[in-house]
Amino acid sequence: MSMIEDVRNVLQDFLAPELRAISARLDALEKKVDANEARAENRHSEVIAGLRQITDYTTVLERLSRLEAKQVVSH
């Protein structure tokens, strides 16, 4: 049993620090992904707001064109 315990201890001594390092790297990557997700969501919201403005502008232009056409017809 002593040899098995020795092998187990050696593996734990080697693997435990490596696993902690991997865990720390994964945590850092997770934070980066979360930050990128937040930026992407903000950018998406900005794009949607811009599209709404374009749609509103297009609607105003269409209404203006109809009013101008009515004015031309009435004169």
C-alpha atoms as a PDB file:
ATOM      1  CA  MET A   1       0.000   0.000   0.000  1.00  0.00           C
ATOM      2  CA  SER A   2       2.865   2.351   0.668  1.00  0.00           C
ATOM      3  CA  MET A   3       3.888   2.405  -2.985  1.00  0.00           C
ATOM      4  CA  ILE A   4       0.331   3.176  -4.087  1.00  0.00           C
ATOM      5  CA  GLU A   5       0.125   6.006  -1.573  1.00  0.00           C
ATOM      6  CA  ASP A   6       3.480   7.339  -2.727  1.00  0.00           C
ATOM      7  CA  VAL A   7       2.330   7.341  -6.349  1.00  0.00           C
ATOM      8  CA  ARG A   8      -0.933   8.996  -5.329  1.00  0.00           C
ATOM      9  CA  ASN A   9       0.948  11.688  -3.372  1.00  0.00           C
ATOM     10  CA  VAL A  10       3.309  12.345  -6.268  1.00  0.00           C
ATOM     11  CA  LEU A  11       0.378  12.676  -8.662  1.00  0.00           C
ATOM     12  CA  GLN A  12      -1.456  14.976  -6.273  1.00  0.00           C
ATOM     13  CA  ASP A  13       1.651  17.061  -5.713  1.00  0.00           C
ATOM     14  CA  PHE A  14       2.000  17.486  -9.468  1.00  0.00           C
ATOM     15  CA  LEU A  15      -1.653  17.725 -10.472  1.00  0.00           C
ATOM     16  CA  ALA A  16      -3.022  19.944  -7.707  1.00  0.00           C
ATOM     17  CA  PRO A  17      -0.952  23.028  -8.666  1.00  0.00           C
ATOM     18  CA  GLU A  18      -1.607  22.404 -12.343  1.00  0.00           C
ATOM     19  CA  LEU A  19      -5.337  22.126 -11.748  1.00  0.00           C
ATOM     20  CA  ARG A  20      -5.309  25.346  -9.722  1.00  0.00           C
ATOM     21  CA  ALA A  21      -3.446  27.096 -12.529  1.00  0.00           C
ATOM     22  CA  ILE A  22      -5.913  25.792 -15.106  1.00  0.00           C
ATOM     23  CA  SER A  23      -8.808  26.877 -12.918  1.00  0.00           C
ATOM     24  CA  ALA A  24      -7.346  30.376 -12.586  1.00  0.00           C
ATOM     25  CA  ARG A  25      -6.892  30.615 -16.357  1.00  0.00           C
ATOM     26  CA  LEU A  26     -10.463  29.459 -16.936  1.00  0.00           C
ATOM     27  CA  ASP A  27     -11.732  32.075 -14.480  1.00  0.00           C
ATOM     28  CA  ALA A  28      -9.810  34.779 -16.333  1.00  0.00           C
ATOM     29  CA  LEU A  29     -11.171  33.594 -19.675  1.00  0.00           C
ATOM     30  CA  GLU A  30     -14.690  33.513 -18.289  1.00  0.00           C
ATOM     31  CA  LYS A  31     -14.343  37.142 -17.175  1.00  0.00           C
ATOM     32  CA  LYS A  32     -13.119  38.128 -20.637  1.00  0.00           C
ATOM     33  CA  VAL A  33     -16.006  36.314 -22.302  1.00  0.00           C
ATOM     34  CA  ASP A  34     -18.489  38.008 -19.969  1.00  0.00           C
ATOM     35  CA  ALA A  35     -16.969  41.415 -20.724  1.00  0.00           C
ATOM     36  CA  ASN A  36     -17.098  40.745 -24.476  1.00  0.00           C
ATOM     37  CA  GLU A  37     -20.696  39.593 -24.167  1.00  0.00           C
ATOM     38  CA  ALA A  38     -21.632  42.795 -22.377  1.00  0.00           C
ATOM     39  CA  ARG A  39     -19.908  44.884 -25.056  1.00  0.00           C
ATOM     40  CA  ALA A  40     -21.658  42.935 -27.801  1.00  0.00           C
ATOM     41  CA  GLU A  41     -25.031  43.437 -26.130  1.00  0.00           C
ATOM     42  CA  ASN A  42     -24.368  47.180 -25.809  1.00  0.00           C
ATOM     43  CA  ARG A  43     -23.312  47.392 -29.433  1.00  0.00           C
ATOM     44  CA  HIS A  44     -26.396  45.455 -30.488  1.00  0.00           C
ATOM     45  CA  SER A  45     -28.585  47.917 -28.602  1.00  0.00           C
ATOM     46  CA  GLU A  46     -26.804  50.825 -30.306  1.00  0.00           C
ATOM     47  CA  VAL A  47     -27.338  49.258 -33.730  1.00  0.00           C
ATOM     48  CA  ILE A  48     -31.029  48.657 -33.010  1.00  0.00           C
ATOM     49  CA  ALA A  49     -31.423  52.264 -31.871  1.00  0.00           C
ATOM     50  CA  GLY A  50     -29.723  53.440 -35.068  1.00  0.00           C
ATOM     51  CA  LEU A  51     -32.026  51.295 -37.186  1.00  0.00           C
ATOM     52  CA  ARG A  52     -35.036  52.756 -35.407  1.00  0.00           C
ATOM     53  CA  GLN A  53     -33.792  56.258 -36.168  1.00  0.00           C
ATOM     54  CA  ILE A  54     -33.345  55.345 -39.828  1.00  0.00           C
ATOM     55  CA  THR A  55     -36.847  53.869 -39.902  1.00  0.00           C
ATOM     56  CA  ASP A  56     -38.254  56.982 -38.249  1.00  0.00           C
ATOM     57  CA  TYR A  57     -36.371  59.178 -40.712  1.00  0.00           C
ATOM     58  CA  THR A  58     -37.654  57.136 -43.644  1.00  0.00           C
ATOM     59  CA  THR A  59     -41.208  57.422 -42.330  1.00  0.00           C
ATOM     60  CA  VAL A  60     -40.862  61.192 -42.009  1.00  0.00           C
ATOM     61  CA  LEU A  61     -39.493  61.431 -45.557  1.00  0.00           C
ATOM     62  CA  GLU A  62     -42.401  59.377 -46.884  1.00  0.00           C
ATOM     63  CA  ARG A  63     -44.909  61.577 -45.061  1.00  0.00           C
ATOM     64  CA  LEU A  64     -43.182  64.709 -46.349  1.00  0.00           C
ATOM     65  CA  SER A  65     -43.281  63.349 -49.906  1.00  0.00           C
ATOM     66  CA  ARG A  66     -47.019  62.672 -49.618  1.00  0.00           C
ATOM     67  CA  LEU A  67     -47.659  66.166 -48.245  1.00  0.00           C
ATOM     68  CA  GLU A  68     -45.612  67.735 -51.030  1.00  0.00           C
ATOM     69  CA  ALA A  69     -47.504  65.669 -53.608  1.00  0.00           C
ATOM     70  CA  LYS A  70     -50.829  66.842 -52.161  1.00  0.00           C
ATOM     71  CA  GLN A  71     -49.619  70.443 -52.207  1.00  0.00           C
ATOM     72  CA  VAL A  72     -48.625  70.175 -55.866  1.00  0.00           C
ATOM     73  CA  VAL A  73     -52.023  68.692 -56.750  1.00  0.00           C
ATOM     74  CA  SER A  74     -53.942  71.385 -54.857  1.00  0.00           C
ATOM     75  CA  HIS A  75     -52.139  74.255 -56.636  1.00  0.00           C
END
